[in-house]
């Protein structure tokens, strides 16, 4: 069972404290709710719920994929035009995608702040209390990590809005946001459990805290700090690559040994706890919207042997002509304006009878990502001979899918010259190889745009040249107009 099943009409009590003079009728207020251990757990579940893709507001994929060189909006030409404007970097502050993600993730931060403020006052088991506090800090760090990488300088809120002075805050420097992220994750790592089982599967673990901490340090080019965090992650639990890559993206084989932080979904629940991503990305013949369409440039990134055998990760990731879709039928390239559709977050009609209510989880971080971060950090520290080791582990798993996936043609033996080990160790060449591997290994997991931004101006502008992207102008997205209209502490 997954933790989101405990959701109870998610946190009707998270409105501003004393916003009205009259007492609320028929619902809990923040002052009266936090009384028991059960209250604390329900409140924490409400924080997890914001990380999930249970409605249309969580549009992280628009920034991670569509804004990158991997995808275009897709869908009907005139549908969801604000996504198109993000894709073309021609948006304005009233863009609904900008406001959706801003409001949604700040709601998550607000819920986490309420938990962190009130739960310490509850008379309850101290070990569970500390774990709840650690999970809330991890989730707050997760929301801030996404927000700071989308919008740059943003308000830093670490307390619930218990007074007018805490409601409207000015922007804080990016460095200050990262300092809070790292502080939260360091604190969280001290109280989180190493592993969970049963109904607690899906909670943030000690490894998740170290993994996100490593990512934060990597984004700030603190290569040594990233390696220390990765070492701590690997010491916290036994993580490994699953033999068949695609099993990270099937409901029946998720929450596996490769998963480090996986956002849980459950289908057929009331209120809905299923993923809406299946609706966004499926073809119209299954009542999907066929957005986030892969482009040929992404397809071309995958290596092909002289004998014509393509990296198997391509067809695990993308639906294309000559291959089957998730229901076993031939993929029809007319289902998409580009001829391709993303498969990782789509579920067959047999597994998801209600298309917008899928049980498929979103795997935010898995061990392959950690291995590639480790390779990158080692390479930037001029340790190329060490860097190729984790890089080649990722490539080895991909090519050896042929030894474990009996649906692949020629199952039982690895095709000649498929994804050979990287043997060169000079820093510049290896940097390109690692960036290539991140793109194909983590494609359509909502990371590509953020990788491009941290690679710097030249790689970002080269990849996004067709959009007119300017690193100086477009490095961060504009803060939405709704925030400027309601927060006088922000003027631009």
Protein backbone atom coordinates (compact mmCIF):
# COMPACT_ATOMS: atom_id res chain seq x y z
CA UNK A 1 0.00 0.00 0.00
CA UNK A 2 1.19 3.50 -0.76
CA UNK A 3 1.17 6.42 1.65
CA UNK A 4 -1.16 8.62 -0.36
CA UNK A 5 -4.01 6.26 0.45
CA UNK A 6 -4.19 7.95 3.85
CA UNK A 7 -5.25 11.27 2.34
CA UNK A 8 -8.33 12.68 4.10
CA UNK A 9 -9.68 15.59 2.02
CA UNK A 10 -6.17 17.03 2.07
CA UNK A 11 -5.66 19.70 4.61
CA UNK A 12 -8.66 21.97 4.51
CA UNK A 13 -6.99 23.68 7.42
CA UNK A 14 -3.99 25.17 5.64
CA UNK A 15 -5.45 28.62 5.06
CA UNK A 16 -3.88 31.69 6.66
CA UNK A 17 -4.03 31.77 10.45
CA UNK A 18 -6.55 34.36 11.75
CA UNK A 19 -7.28 35.49 8.21
CA UNK A 20 -10.90 35.98 9.29
CA UNK A 21 -12.11 37.18 12.66
CA UNK A 22 -14.89 34.58 12.75
CA UNK A 23 -14.11 30.96 13.58
CA UNK A 24 -14.40 28.54 10.69
CA UNK A 25 -17.45 26.31 10.82
CA UNK A 26 -17.37 22.62 9.86
CA UNK A 27 -13.64 22.28 9.20
CA UNK A 28 -10.49 22.10 11.26
CA UNK A 29 -8.40 25.22 11.75
CA UNK A 30 -4.64 25.10 12.04
CA UNK A 31 -4.92 25.98 15.74
CA UNK A 32 -7.26 23.11 16.61
CA UNK A 33 -6.19 20.34 14.26
CA UNK A 34 -2.67 19.42 15.36
CA UNK A 35 -3.54 17.50 18.51
CA UNK A 36 -2.55 13.86 17.94
CA UNK A 37 -0.05 11.67 16.16
CA UNK A 38 -2.77 10.76 13.69
CA UNK A 39 -3.31 14.46 12.94
CA UNK A 40 0.40 14.86 12.27
CA UNK A 41 0.47 11.94 9.84
CA UNK A 42 -2.59 13.19 7.95
CA UNK A 43 -1.04 16.65 7.70
CA UNK A 44 2.18 15.19 6.33
CA UNK A 45 0.23 13.18 3.77
CA UNK A 46 -1.23 16.47 2.58
CA UNK A 47 2.29 17.69 1.86
CA UNK A 48 3.08 14.58 -0.16
CA UNK A 49 -0.14 15.08 -2.09
CA UNK A 50 1.14 18.36 -3.56
CA UNK A 51 4.19 16.56 -4.97
CA UNK A 52 1.90 14.14 -6.81
CA UNK A 53 0.36 14.58 -10.26
CA UNK A 54 -3.23 14.07 -9.13
CA UNK A 55 -4.58 17.02 -11.10
CA UNK A 56 -3.67 19.38 -13.94
CA UNK A 57 -1.87 21.95 -11.76
CA UNK A 58 1.40 20.07 -11.35
CA UNK A 59 2.94 20.87 -14.72
CA UNK A 60 6.60 20.22 -13.93
CA UNK A 61 6.82 18.32 -17.21
CA UNK A 62 6.22 21.51 -19.21
CA UNK A 63 9.42 23.01 -17.83
CA UNK A 64 11.46 19.80 -17.66
CA UNK A 65 10.57 18.45 -21.11
CA UNK A 66 8.66 20.87 -23.35
CA UNK A 67 10.93 23.84 -22.62
CA UNK A 68 13.92 21.65 -23.51
CA UNK A 69 15.18 20.33 -26.84
CA UNK A 70 13.60 16.92 -26.24
CA UNK A 71 9.95 17.78 -26.90
CA UNK A 72 7.34 20.20 -28.18
CA UNK A 73 3.90 20.88 -26.76
CA UNK A 74 2.10 18.39 -29.01
CA UNK A 75 -1.66 17.96 -28.72
CA UNK A 76 -4.17 19.88 -30.81
CA UNK A 77 -2.72 22.98 -32.41
CA UNK A 78 -4.80 25.47 -30.41
CA UNK A 79 -5.11 23.50 -27.20
CA UNK A 80 -3.28 24.73 -24.08
CA UNK A 81 -1.58 27.54 -25.97
CA UNK A 82 0.18 28.73 -22.82
CA UNK A 83 2.30 25.57 -22.98
CA UNK A 84 3.28 26.54 -26.54
CA UNK A 85 4.38 29.98 -25.32
CA UNK A 86 6.60 28.34 -22.71
CA UNK A 87 8.04 26.09 -25.45
CA UNK A 88 8.87 29.14 -27.58
CA UNK A 89 9.97 31.38 -24.69
CA UNK A 90 7.37 33.92 -25.84
CA UNK A 91 5.20 33.74 -22.72
CA UNK A 92 3.94 36.63 -20.57
CA UNK A 93 3.51 36.84 -16.80
CA UNK A 94 -0.18 35.89 -17.01
CA UNK A 95 0.72 32.49 -18.48
CA UNK A 96 -1.33 29.86 -16.64
CA UNK A 97 1.52 27.34 -16.53
CA UNK A 98 3.68 29.87 -14.68
CA UNK A 99 0.94 30.52 -12.14
CA UNK A 100 -0.10 26.87 -11.76
CA UNK A 101 3.34 25.64 -10.76
CA UNK A 102 4.06 28.69 -8.59
CA UNK A 103 0.82 28.37 -6.63
CA UNK A 104 0.93 24.60 -6.40
CA UNK A 105 4.46 24.27 -5.07
CA UNK A 106 4.10 27.18 -2.67
CA UNK A 107 1.02 25.41 -1.35
CA UNK A 108 3.29 22.44 -0.69
CA UNK A 109 5.76 24.68 1.12
CA UNK A 110 2.95 26.19 3.18
CA UNK A 111 1.71 22.75 4.21
CA UNK A 112 5.24 21.69 5.13
CA UNK A 113 5.70 24.85 7.18
CA UNK A 114 2.51 24.16 9.14
CA UNK A 115 3.75 20.65 9.90
CA UNK A 116 7.14 21.94 11.03
CA UNK A 117 5.54 24.60 13.23
CA UNK A 118 2.80 22.60 14.95
CA UNK A 119 4.00 18.99 15.11
CA UNK A 120 6.77 19.67 17.69
CA UNK A 121 4.00 20.71 20.11
CA UNK A 122 2.15 17.39 19.88
CA UNK A 123 2.54 14.83 22.65
CA UNK A 124 3.43 11.77 20.59
CA UNK A 125 6.11 9.14 19.94
CA UNK A 126 9.35 11.09 19.54
CA UNK A 127 10.84 8.82 16.89
CA UNK A 128 7.76 9.23 14.70
CA UNK A 129 7.70 12.96 15.41
CA UNK A 130 11.31 13.33 14.31
CA UNK A 131 10.67 11.29 11.20
CA UNK A 132 7.66 13.45 10.29
CA UNK A 133 9.76 16.57 10.73
CA UNK A 134 12.46 15.07 8.52
CA UNK A 135 9.96 14.18 5.80
CA UNK A 136 8.44 17.67 5.89
CA UNK A 137 11.90 19.24 5.55
CA UNK A 138 12.73 16.94 2.64
CA UNK A 139 9.51 17.85 0.85
CA UNK A 140 10.03 21.56 1.47
CA UNK A 141 13.50 21.21 -0.04
CA UNK A 142 12.03 19.36 -3.03
CA UNK A 143 9.50 22.13 -3.72
CA UNK A 144 12.11 24.85 -3.32
CA UNK A 145 14.56 23.00 -5.56
CA UNK A 146 12.03 22.98 -8.39
CA UNK A 147 10.91 26.57 -7.81
CA UNK A 148 14.40 28.06 -7.64
CA UNK A 149 15.43 26.27 -10.83
CA UNK A 150 12.36 27.53 -12.66
CA UNK A 151 12.05 31.10 -11.33
CA UNK A 152 15.45 31.96 -9.81
CA UNK A 153 15.09 34.54 -7.03
CA UNK A 154 11.91 33.77 -5.09
CA UNK A 155 10.44 34.44 -1.63
CA UNK A 156 11.92 32.17 1.04
CA UNK A 157 9.16 31.14 3.42
CA UNK A 158 10.08 28.89 6.35
CA UNK A 159 7.17 29.67 8.69
CA UNK A 160 3.40 29.47 8.28
CA UNK A 161 1.69 32.84 7.71
CA UNK A 162 0.78 33.46 11.35
CA UNK A 163 1.09 37.23 11.00
CA UNK A 164 0.76 39.73 8.13
CA UNK A 165 4.53 40.18 8.09
CA UNK A 166 4.98 36.52 7.15
CA UNK A 167 2.56 36.53 4.22
CA UNK A 168 4.18 38.81 1.66
CA UNK A 169 7.94 38.39 1.56
CA UNK A 170 10.48 39.81 -0.92
CA UNK A 171 12.61 37.71 -3.22
CA UNK A 172 15.69 36.04 -1.79
CA UNK A 173 18.90 35.41 -3.72
CA UNK A 174 19.28 32.03 -5.38
CA UNK A 175 22.19 31.25 -3.06
CA UNK A 176 19.95 31.75 -0.01
CA UNK A 177 17.32 29.38 -1.40
CA UNK A 178 19.98 26.74 -1.98
CA UNK A 179 21.37 27.28 1.52
CA UNK A 180 17.91 26.53 2.93
CA UNK A 181 17.54 23.48 0.68
CA UNK A 182 20.86 22.08 1.86
CA UNK A 183 20.09 22.84 5.52
CA UNK A 184 16.70 21.10 5.27
CA UNK A 185 18.17 18.05 3.59
CA UNK A 186 21.05 17.80 6.05
CA UNK A 187 18.59 17.95 8.95
CA UNK A 188 16.24 15.50 7.27
CA UNK A 189 18.99 12.94 6.69
CA UNK A 190 19.49 12.66 10.46
CA UNK A 191 15.95 11.52 11.24
CA UNK A 192 14.67 9.73 8.14
CA UNK A 193 14.55 5.96 8.00
CA UNK A 194 16.84 4.01 5.70
CA UNK A 195 14.04 1.99 4.13
CA UNK A 196 10.29 1.60 4.40
CA UNK A 197 7.91 -1.26 3.73
CA UNK A 198 4.20 -1.98 3.68
CA UNK A 199 1.99 1.08 4.00
CA UNK A 200 5.01 3.36 4.41
CA UNK A 201 6.49 2.69 0.97
CA UNK A 202 6.94 5.99 -0.80
CA UNK A 203 8.03 8.04 2.19
CA UNK A 204 11.22 10.03 1.82
CA UNK A 205 14.17 7.97 3.04
CA UNK A 206 17.63 8.87 4.27
CA UNK A 207 18.89 7.99 0.79
CA UNK A 208 16.38 10.38 -0.79
CA UNK A 209 17.67 13.23 1.38
CA UNK A 210 21.28 12.48 0.46
CA UNK A 211 20.32 12.10 -3.21
CA UNK A 212 18.61 15.48 -3.43
CA UNK A 213 21.45 17.02 -1.43
CA UNK A 214 23.92 15.60 -3.98
CA UNK A 215 21.83 17.07 -6.78
CA UNK A 216 21.73 20.50 -5.11
CA UNK A 217 25.50 20.49 -4.69
CA UNK A 218 25.99 19.32 -8.27
CA UNK A 219 23.84 22.19 -9.54
CA UNK A 220 26.11 24.57 -7.64
CA UNK A 221 29.25 22.87 -8.97
CA UNK A 222 30.28 21.73 -5.52
CA UNK A 223 31.70 18.54 -6.96
CA UNK A 224 33.36 17.31 -3.76
CA UNK A 225 30.22 18.00 -1.73
CA UNK A 226 28.15 16.05 -4.25
CA UNK A 227 30.47 13.05 -3.92
CA UNK A 228 30.26 13.15 -0.11
CA UNK A 229 26.46 13.13 -0.31
CA UNK A 230 26.53 10.26 -2.82
CA UNK A 231 28.82 8.26 -0.55
CA UNK A 232 26.34 8.81 2.27
CA UNK A 233 23.47 7.71 0.04
CA UNK A 234 25.25 4.51 -0.93
CA UNK A 235 26.05 3.79 2.73
CA UNK A 236 22.44 4.37 3.80
CA UNK A 237 20.84 1.50 1.85
CA UNK A 238 21.51 -1.00 -0.92
CA UNK A 239 20.59 0.58 -4.24
CA UNK A 240 21.13 -1.12 -7.58
CA UNK A 241 20.10 -0.88 -11.21
CA UNK A 242 17.20 -3.17 -12.07
CA UNK A 243 18.13 -5.57 -14.90
CA UNK A 244 15.45 -4.30 -17.30
CA UNK A 245 15.35 -0.53 -17.72
CA UNK A 246 11.64 -0.35 -18.52
CA UNK A 247 10.68 -1.88 -15.18
CA UNK A 248 11.21 1.52 -13.59
CA UNK A 249 8.09 2.69 -15.42
CA UNK A 250 5.58 -0.13 -14.93
CA UNK A 251 3.17 0.00 -12.01
CA UNK A 252 3.80 -3.65 -11.13
CA UNK A 253 7.60 -3.26 -10.91
CA UNK A 254 8.01 0.19 -9.38
CA UNK A 255 9.31 0.96 -5.86
CA UNK A 256 12.23 -1.30 -6.72
CA UNK A 257 15.90 -1.27 -5.69
CA UNK A 258 16.69 1.48 -8.19
CA UNK A 259 14.08 3.87 -6.83
CA UNK A 260 15.40 6.58 -4.50
CA UNK A 261 12.43 8.95 -4.42
CA UNK A 262 9.23 7.92 -6.13
CA UNK A 263 6.05 9.98 -5.97
CA UNK A 264 3.18 7.60 -5.36
CA UNK A 265 -0.17 7.37 -7.13
CA UNK A 266 -3.17 5.12 -6.58
CA UNK A 267 -5.93 4.66 -9.11
CA UNK A 268 -9.65 4.35 -8.39
CA UNK A 269 -9.63 6.25 -5.08
CA UNK A 270 -11.98 8.88 -3.69
CA UNK A 271 -10.76 11.60 -3.60
CA UNK A 272 -8.61 10.91 -6.64
CA UNK A 273 -5.03 9.85 -5.93
CA UNK A 274 -4.25 8.68 -9.46
CA UNK A 275 -1.78 10.29 -11.85
CA UNK A 276 -3.08 12.68 -14.49
CA UNK A 277 0.09 12.28 -16.56
CA UNK A 278 -1.48 9.36 -18.41
CA UNK A 279 -4.18 11.73 -19.64
CA UNK A 280 -1.70 14.37 -20.72
CA UNK A 281 0.51 12.03 -22.75
CA UNK A 282 -1.69 9.24 -24.20
CA UNK A 283 -2.94 9.30 -27.81
CA UNK A 284 -6.37 10.69 -28.65
CA UNK A 285 -7.68 7.21 -29.55
CA UNK A 286 -7.52 6.47 -25.81
CA UNK A 287 -8.94 9.88 -24.84
CA UNK A 288 -5.50 11.30 -24.13
CA UNK A 289 -4.23 14.76 -25.01
CA UNK A 290 -0.93 13.57 -26.64
CA UNK A 291 1.13 16.44 -25.23
CA UNK A 292 4.88 16.47 -24.52
CA UNK A 293 5.68 15.05 -27.95
CA UNK A 294 9.28 13.85 -28.50
CA UNK A 295 11.12 15.39 -31.44
CA UNK A 296 13.46 13.86 -33.99
CA UNK A 297 16.47 15.51 -32.37
CA UNK A 298 15.85 13.45 -29.24
CA UNK A 299 15.42 10.26 -31.28
CA UNK A 300 18.72 10.94 -33.03
CA UNK A 301 20.56 11.10 -29.72
CA UNK A 302 20.31 7.32 -29.24
CA UNK A 303 23.25 5.25 -30.42
CA UNK A 304 22.84 2.72 -33.23
CA UNK A 305 25.23 -0.14 -33.99
CA UNK A 306 26.74 -0.59 -37.48
CA UNK A 307 24.24 -3.44 -37.82
CA UNK A 308 21.31 -1.11 -37.20
CA UNK A 309 20.46 -2.09 -33.59
CA UNK A 310 19.36 0.93 -31.57
CA UNK A 311 19.90 1.55 -27.89
CA UNK A 312 16.91 -0.31 -26.34
CA UNK A 313 16.15 2.66 -24.10
CA UNK A 314 14.73 4.49 -27.12
CA UNK A 315 11.77 2.16 -27.57
CA UNK A 316 11.29 1.85 -23.82
CA UNK A 317 10.92 5.64 -23.76
CA UNK A 318 9.19 6.56 -27.02
CA UNK A 319 6.36 5.24 -29.15
CA UNK A 320 7.34 5.35 -32.83
CA UNK A 321 6.49 3.76 -36.18
CA UNK A 322 7.37 0.08 -36.46
CA UNK A 323 6.95 -0.56 -32.73
CA UNK A 324 4.08 -1.36 -30.40
CA UNK A 325 2.21 0.96 -28.09
CA UNK A 326 1.35 0.04 -24.51
CA UNK A 327 -1.73 -2.02 -25.39
CA UNK A 328 0.21 -4.26 -27.77
CA UNK A 329 -1.10 -2.60 -30.93
CA UNK A 330 1.11 -1.09 -33.63
CA UNK A 331 2.04 2.50 -32.87
CA UNK A 332 0.46 4.90 -35.35
CA UNK A 333 2.71 7.93 -35.99
CA UNK A 334 -0.37 10.02 -36.87
CA UNK A 335 -1.21 9.97 -33.16
CA UNK A 336 1.32 12.76 -32.70
CA UNK A 337 2.28 15.88 -34.64
CA UNK A 338 5.92 14.80 -34.43
CA UNK A 339 5.30 11.10 -35.07
CA UNK A 340 6.37 10.15 -31.53
CA UNK A 341 4.82 9.91 -28.07
CA UNK A 342 6.33 9.53 -24.62
CA UNK A 343 5.73 6.14 -22.97
CA UNK A 344 7.22 6.44 -19.48
CA UNK A 345 4.20 8.04 -17.81
CA UNK A 346 1.51 6.43 -19.93
CA UNK A 347 -0.34 3.32 -18.88
CA UNK A 348 -2.28 0.81 -20.95
CA UNK A 349 -6.06 0.88 -21.01
CA UNK A 350 -6.05 -2.47 -19.23
CA UNK A 351 -4.05 -1.13 -16.28
CA UNK A 352 -5.69 2.30 -16.16
CA UNK A 353 -9.38 1.96 -17.06
CA UNK A 354 -9.91 5.63 -16.17
CA UNK A 355 -7.23 7.40 -18.18
CA UNK A 356 -6.76 10.43 -15.93
CA UNK A 357 -6.55 8.27 -12.82
CA UNK A 358 -3.45 6.13 -13.32
CA UNK A 359 -1.66 4.16 -10.63
CA UNK A 360 1.72 4.77 -12.27
CA UNK A 361 4.21 6.52 -9.99
CA UNK A 362 6.51 9.37 -10.98
CA UNK A 363 10.10 8.34 -10.27
CA UNK A 364 11.82 11.62 -9.48
CA UNK A 365 15.18 10.11 -8.60
CA UNK A 366 16.64 6.71 -9.26
CA UNK A 367 20.06 5.17 -8.82
CA UNK A 368 21.01 5.60 -12.48
CA UNK A 369 20.73 9.36 -11.97
CA UNK A 370 23.01 9.10 -8.93
CA UNK A 371 25.60 7.11 -10.90
CA UNK A 372 25.64 9.73 -13.63
CA UNK A 373 25.95 12.53 -11.06
CA UNK A 374 28.88 10.64 -9.55
CA UNK A 375 30.51 10.31 -12.97
CA UNK A 376 30.03 14.01 -13.62
CA UNK A 377 31.46 15.12 -10.28
CA UNK A 378 34.50 12.85 -10.64
CA UNK A 379 35.15 14.08 -14.16
CA UNK A 380 34.94 17.73 -13.13
CA UNK A 381 37.51 16.93 -10.44
CA UNK A 382 39.82 15.58 -13.19
CA UNK A 383 39.35 11.97 -12.12
CA UNK A 384 38.36 10.60 -15.50
CA UNK A 385 39.58 7.06 -14.86
CA UNK A 386 37.22 6.86 -11.87
CA UNK A 387 34.39 8.69 -13.66
CA UNK A 388 33.99 6.10 -16.41
CA UNK A 389 33.18 3.39 -13.85
CA UNK A 390 29.68 4.62 -12.84
CA UNK A 391 29.07 5.87 -16.39
CA UNK A 392 29.73 2.41 -17.80
CA UNK A 393 27.49 0.75 -15.21
CA UNK A 394 24.58 2.69 -16.69
CA UNK A 395 25.53 1.74 -20.25
CA UNK A 396 26.06 -1.89 -19.26
CA UNK A 397 22.55 -2.17 -17.83
CA UNK A 398 21.08 -0.67 -20.98
CA UNK A 399 22.80 -3.07 -23.39
CA UNK A 400 22.21 -6.08 -21.16
CA UNK A 401 18.47 -5.58 -21.41
CA UNK A 402 18.88 -8.14 -24.18
CA UNK A 403 19.82 -10.72 -21.56
CA UNK A 404 16.73 -10.15 -19.42
CA UNK A 405 13.90 -8.81 -21.59
CA UNK A 406 12.46 -11.63 -23.68
CA UNK A 407 10.36 -9.18 -25.70
CA UNK A 408 13.47 -7.86 -27.44
CA UNK A 409 14.33 -9.38 -30.83
CA UNK A 410 17.41 -11.55 -30.45
CA UNK A 411 16.77 -11.96 -26.71
CA UNK A 412 19.51 -13.93 -24.98
CA UNK A 413 22.60 -12.25 -26.40
CA UNK A 414 23.82 -8.65 -26.56
CA UNK A 415 24.08 -7.39 -30.16
CA UNK A 416 27.63 -6.71 -31.32
CA UNK A 417 28.96 -3.20 -30.65
CA UNK A 418 25.86 -2.12 -28.73
CA UNK A 419 26.66 0.64 -26.21
CA UNK A 420 30.33 -0.24 -25.70
CA UNK A 421 32.09 0.95 -22.57
CA UNK A 422 33.52 4.45 -22.67
CA UNK A 423 37.30 4.10 -22.47
CA UNK A 424 38.59 7.64 -23.03
CA UNK A 425 39.20 9.73 -19.92
CA UNK A 426 40.04 13.25 -21.10
CA UNK A 427 37.78 15.71 -19.33
CA UNK A 428 36.21 17.51 -22.30
CA UNK A 429 35.30 14.34 -24.20
CA UNK A 430 34.04 12.62 -21.09
CA UNK A 431 31.89 15.63 -20.17
CA UNK A 432 30.12 15.31 -23.52
CA UNK A 433 29.69 11.55 -23.03
CA UNK A 434 28.13 12.02 -19.57
CA UNK A 435 25.78 14.73 -20.84
CA UNK A 436 24.75 12.42 -23.69
CA UNK A 437 24.13 9.58 -21.27
CA UNK A 438 21.98 11.73 -19.00
CA UNK A 439 19.84 12.73 -21.96
CA UNK A 440 19.09 9.20 -23.15
CA UNK A 441 18.96 7.53 -19.73
CA UNK A 442 16.71 10.13 -18.09
CA UNK A 443 14.72 11.23 -21.14
CA UNK A 444 11.16 12.34 -20.39
CA UNK A 445 11.65 12.18 -16.64
CA UNK A 446 11.41 16.01 -16.48
CA UNK A 447 15.13 16.76 -16.00
CA UNK A 448 16.50 17.82 -19.39
CA UNK A 449 15.74 21.57 -19.33
CA UNK A 450 17.25 21.94 -15.87
CA UNK A 451 20.37 20.07 -17.00
CA UNK A 452 20.74 22.41 -19.97
CA UNK A 453 20.49 25.47 -17.74
CA UNK A 454 23.17 24.27 -15.37
CA UNK A 455 25.48 23.30 -18.25
CA UNK A 456 25.73 26.99 -19.03
CA UNK A 457 25.11 29.54 -21.75
CA UNK A 458 26.79 27.88 -24.73
CA UNK A 459 25.24 24.40 -24.39
CA UNK A 460 21.83 25.84 -23.50
CA UNK A 461 21.70 28.29 -26.40
CA UNK A 462 22.98 25.68 -28.85
CA UNK A 463 20.34 23.16 -27.79
CA UNK A 464 17.50 25.70 -27.87
CA UNK A 465 18.63 27.70 -30.91
CA UNK A 466 15.40 27.04 -32.83
CA UNK A 467 13.36 28.84 -30.15
CA UNK A 468 15.36 32.05 -30.01
CA UNK A 469 16.30 31.28 -26.42
CA UNK A 470 18.75 33.73 -24.82
CA UNK A 471 20.53 32.57 -21.69
CA UNK A 472 20.83 36.12 -20.41
CA UNK A 473 17.15 36.85 -20.93
CA UNK A 474 15.53 33.44 -20.44
CA UNK A 475 17.69 31.62 -17.88
CA UNK A 476 14.85 31.91 -15.37
CA UNK A 477 11.15 32.18 -16.04
CA UNK A 478 9.28 35.29 -14.93
CA UNK A 479 7.47 35.33 -11.61
CA UNK A 480 3.74 35.12 -12.48
CA UNK A 481 1.53 38.18 -12.45
CA UNK A 482 -0.69 36.72 -9.74
CA UNK A 483 2.20 37.00 -7.30
CA UNK A 484 3.03 40.56 -8.30
CA UNK A 485 -0.63 41.52 -7.92
CA UNK A 486 -0.92 40.14 -4.38
CA UNK A 487 2.59 40.58 -2.98
CA UNK A 488 3.70 44.24 -2.75
CA UNK A 489 7.15 43.10 -1.58
CA UNK A 490 7.93 41.95 -5.14
CA UNK A 491 8.04 44.56 -7.88
CA UNK A 492 9.68 42.68 -10.76
